[in-house]
Amino acid sequence: MYQPTPDHIDMWRRGWSCTAISDVAGVSKDTVCRAMNRLGFDLHSRPKPTVEAARIESRRLKESGESVTRISDIVGYSERQIRRWIK
């Protein structure tokens, strides 16, 4: 049975996805998700620092005059998502 290592738990807390952790751990993403659930970690309301950083960067770029298309290229999210964030 898979048991997350302290490194895997640290990755989780820093916003890594189950898929990314599973690539490092050599197990399936479902196995990682089940293990994190067993340890009491909430899959749905955990911090997502990479998303929050993208939101902040999107707003900053919009304030500096960049177009939604350009922001999308820079940040790596769809134009639709960028529009939601900068409203």
C-alpha atoms as a PDB file:
ATOM      1  CA  MET A   1       0.000   0.000   0.000  1.00  0.00           C
ATOM      2  CA  TYR A   2       1.279   3.453  -0.947  1.00  0.00           C
ATOM      3  CA  GLN A   3       2.133   5.782   1.909  1.00  0.00           C
ATOM      4  CA  PRO A   4       2.988   9.402   0.995  1.00  0.00           C
ATOM      5  CA  THR A   5       6.473  10.426   2.019  1.00  0.00           C
ATOM      6  CA  PRO A   6       7.127  13.758   3.749  1.00  0.00           C
ATOM      7  CA  ASP A   7       8.348  15.056   0.368  1.00  0.00           C
ATOM      8  CA  HIS A   8       5.067  14.084  -1.277  1.00  0.00           C
ATOM      9  CA  ILE A   9       3.087  15.767   1.489  1.00  0.00           C
ATOM     10  CA  ASP A  10       5.217  18.899   1.078  1.00  0.00           C
ATOM     11  CA  MET A  11       4.526  18.853  -2.669  1.00  0.00           C
ATOM     12  CA  TRP A  12       0.806  18.585  -1.897  1.00  0.00           C
ATOM     13  CA  ARG A  13       0.927  21.566   0.433  1.00  0.00           C
ATOM     14  CA  ARG A  14       2.752  23.611  -2.200  1.00  0.00           C
ATOM     15  CA  GLY A  15      -0.092  22.994  -4.661  1.00  0.00           C
ATOM     16  CA  TRP A  16       1.158  20.049  -6.709  1.00  0.00           C
ATOM     17  CA  SER A  17      -1.612  17.987  -8.282  1.00  0.00           C
ATOM     18  CA  CYS A  18      -2.202  14.299  -7.598  1.00  0.00           C
ATOM     19  CA  THR A  19      -1.066  13.642 -11.168  1.00  0.00           C
ATOM     20  CA  ALA A  20       2.252  15.447 -10.701  1.00  0.00           C
ATOM     21  CA  ILE A  21       2.916  13.696  -7.386  1.00  0.00           C
ATOM     22  CA  SER A  22       2.001  10.337  -8.929  1.00  0.00           C
ATOM     23  CA  ASP A  23       4.627  10.859 -11.647  1.00  0.00           C
ATOM     24  CA  VAL A  24       7.282  11.378  -8.964  1.00  0.00           C
ATOM     25  CA  ALA A  25       6.009   8.554  -6.727  1.00  0.00           C
ATOM     26  CA  GLY A  26       5.557   6.016  -9.507  1.00  0.00           C
ATOM     27  CA  VAL A  27       1.924   5.211  -8.662  1.00  0.00           C
ATOM     28  CA  SER A  28      -1.407   6.188 -10.199  1.00  0.00           C
ATOM     29  CA  LYS A  29      -2.984   9.557  -9.473  1.00  0.00           C
ATOM     30  CA  ASP A  30      -5.989   7.817  -7.928  1.00  0.00           C
ATOM     31  CA  THR A  31      -3.666   6.086  -5.462  1.00  0.00           C
ATOM     32  CA  VAL A  32      -2.145   9.412  -4.456  1.00  0.00           C
ATOM     33  CA  CYS A  33      -5.585  11.016  -4.039  1.00  0.00           C
ATOM     34  CA  ARG A  34      -6.851   8.127  -1.896  1.00  0.00           C
ATOM     35  CA  ALA A  35      -3.729   8.258   0.271  1.00  0.00           C
ATOM     36  CA  MET A  36      -4.078  12.006   0.794  1.00  0.00           C
ATOM     37  CA  ASN A  37      -7.741  11.546   1.712  1.00  0.00           C
ATOM     38  CA  ARG A  38      -6.768   8.846   4.227  1.00  0.00           C
ATOM     39  CA  LEU A  39      -4.363  11.299   5.842  1.00  0.00           C
ATOM     40  CA  GLY A  40      -7.151  13.868   6.155  1.00  0.00           C
ATOM     41  CA  PHE A  41      -6.175  16.222   3.342  1.00  0.00           C
ATOM     42  CA  ASP A  42      -9.117  17.802   1.524  1.00  0.00           C
ATOM     43  CA  LEU A  43      -8.867  17.454  -2.248  1.00  0.00           C
ATOM     44  CA  HIS A  44     -11.294  20.255  -3.032  1.00  0.00           C
ATOM     45  CA  SER A  45     -10.467  23.140  -0.738  1.00  0.00           C
ATOM     46  CA  ARG A  46      -6.701  22.964  -0.516  1.00  0.00           C
ATOM     47  CA  PRO A  47      -4.594  25.994  -1.359  1.00  0.00           C
ATOM     48  CA  LYS A  48      -3.679  26.354  -5.019  1.00  0.00           C
ATOM     49  CA  PRO A  49      -0.754  28.779  -4.987  1.00  0.00           C
ATOM     50  CA  THR A  50      -0.058  28.429  -8.712  1.00  0.00           C
ATOM     51  CA  VAL A  51      -3.621  29.423  -9.598  1.00  0.00           C
ATOM     52  CA  GLU A  52      -3.616  32.321  -7.164  1.00  0.00           C
ATOM     53  CA  ALA A  53      -0.291  33.513  -8.585  1.00  0.00           C
ATOM     54  CA  ALA A  54      -1.761  33.333 -12.108  1.00  0.00           C
ATOM     55  CA  ARG A  55      -4.774  35.383 -10.994  1.00  0.00           C
ATOM     56  CA  ILE A  56      -2.600  38.064  -9.452  1.00  0.00           C
ATOM     57  CA  GLU A  57      -0.325  38.159 -12.494  1.00  0.00           C
ATOM     58  CA  SER A  58      -3.343  38.383 -14.827  1.00  0.00           C
ATOM     59  CA  ARG A  59      -4.742  41.371 -12.955  1.00  0.00           C
ATOM     60  CA  ARG A  60      -1.330  43.046 -12.869  1.00  0.00           C
ATOM     61  CA  LEU A  61      -0.825  42.557 -16.611  1.00  0.00           C
ATOM     62  CA  LYS A  62      -4.311  43.896 -17.384  1.00  0.00           C
ATOM     63  CA  GLU A  63      -3.640  46.992 -15.286  1.00  0.00           C
ATOM     64  CA  SER A  64      -0.423  47.540 -17.237  1.00  0.00           C
ATOM     65  CA  GLY A  65      -2.394  47.526 -20.496  1.00  0.00           C
ATOM     66  CA  GLU A  66      -1.886  43.998 -21.875  1.00  0.00           C
ATOM     67  CA  SER A  67      -4.626  42.406 -23.974  1.00  0.00           C
ATOM     68  CA  VAL A  68      -6.504  39.332 -22.783  1.00  0.00           C
ATOM     69  CA  THR A  69      -4.922  37.290 -25.588  1.00  0.00           C
ATOM     70  CA  ARG A  70      -1.418  38.353 -24.578  1.00  0.00           C
ATOM     71  CA  ILE A  71      -2.151  37.682 -20.883  1.00  0.00           C
ATOM     72  CA  SER A  72      -3.423  34.232 -21.825  1.00  0.00           C
ATOM     73  CA  ASP A  73      -0.168  33.510 -23.659  1.00  0.00           C
ATOM     74  CA  ILE A  74       1.950  34.728 -20.750  1.00  0.00           C
ATOM     75  CA  VAL A  75       0.042  33.100 -17.890  1.00  0.00           C
ATOM     76  CA  GLY A  76      -0.903  29.881 -19.666  1.00  0.00           C
ATOM     77  CA  TYR A  77      -4.650  29.853 -19.020  1.00  0.00           C
ATOM     78  CA  SER A  78      -7.474  30.276 -21.516  1.00  0.00           C
ATOM     79  CA  GLU A  79      -8.743  33.698 -22.492  1.00  0.00           C
ATOM     80  CA  ARG A  80     -12.108  32.748 -21.001  1.00  0.00           C
ATOM     81  CA  GLN A  81     -10.495  32.058 -17.620  1.00  0.00           C
ATOM     82  CA  ILE A  82      -8.475  35.288 -17.792  1.00  0.00           C
ATOM     83  CA  ARG A  83     -11.662  37.279 -18.422  1.00  0.00           C
ATOM     84  CA  ARG A  84     -13.224  35.731 -15.300  1.00  0.00           C
ATOM     85  CA  TRP A  85     -10.235  36.669 -13.189  1.00  0.00           C
ATOM     86  CA  ILE A  86      -9.937  40.277 -14.319  1.00  0.00           C
ATOM     87  CA  LYS A  87     -13.605  41.202 -13.874  1.00  0.00           C
END
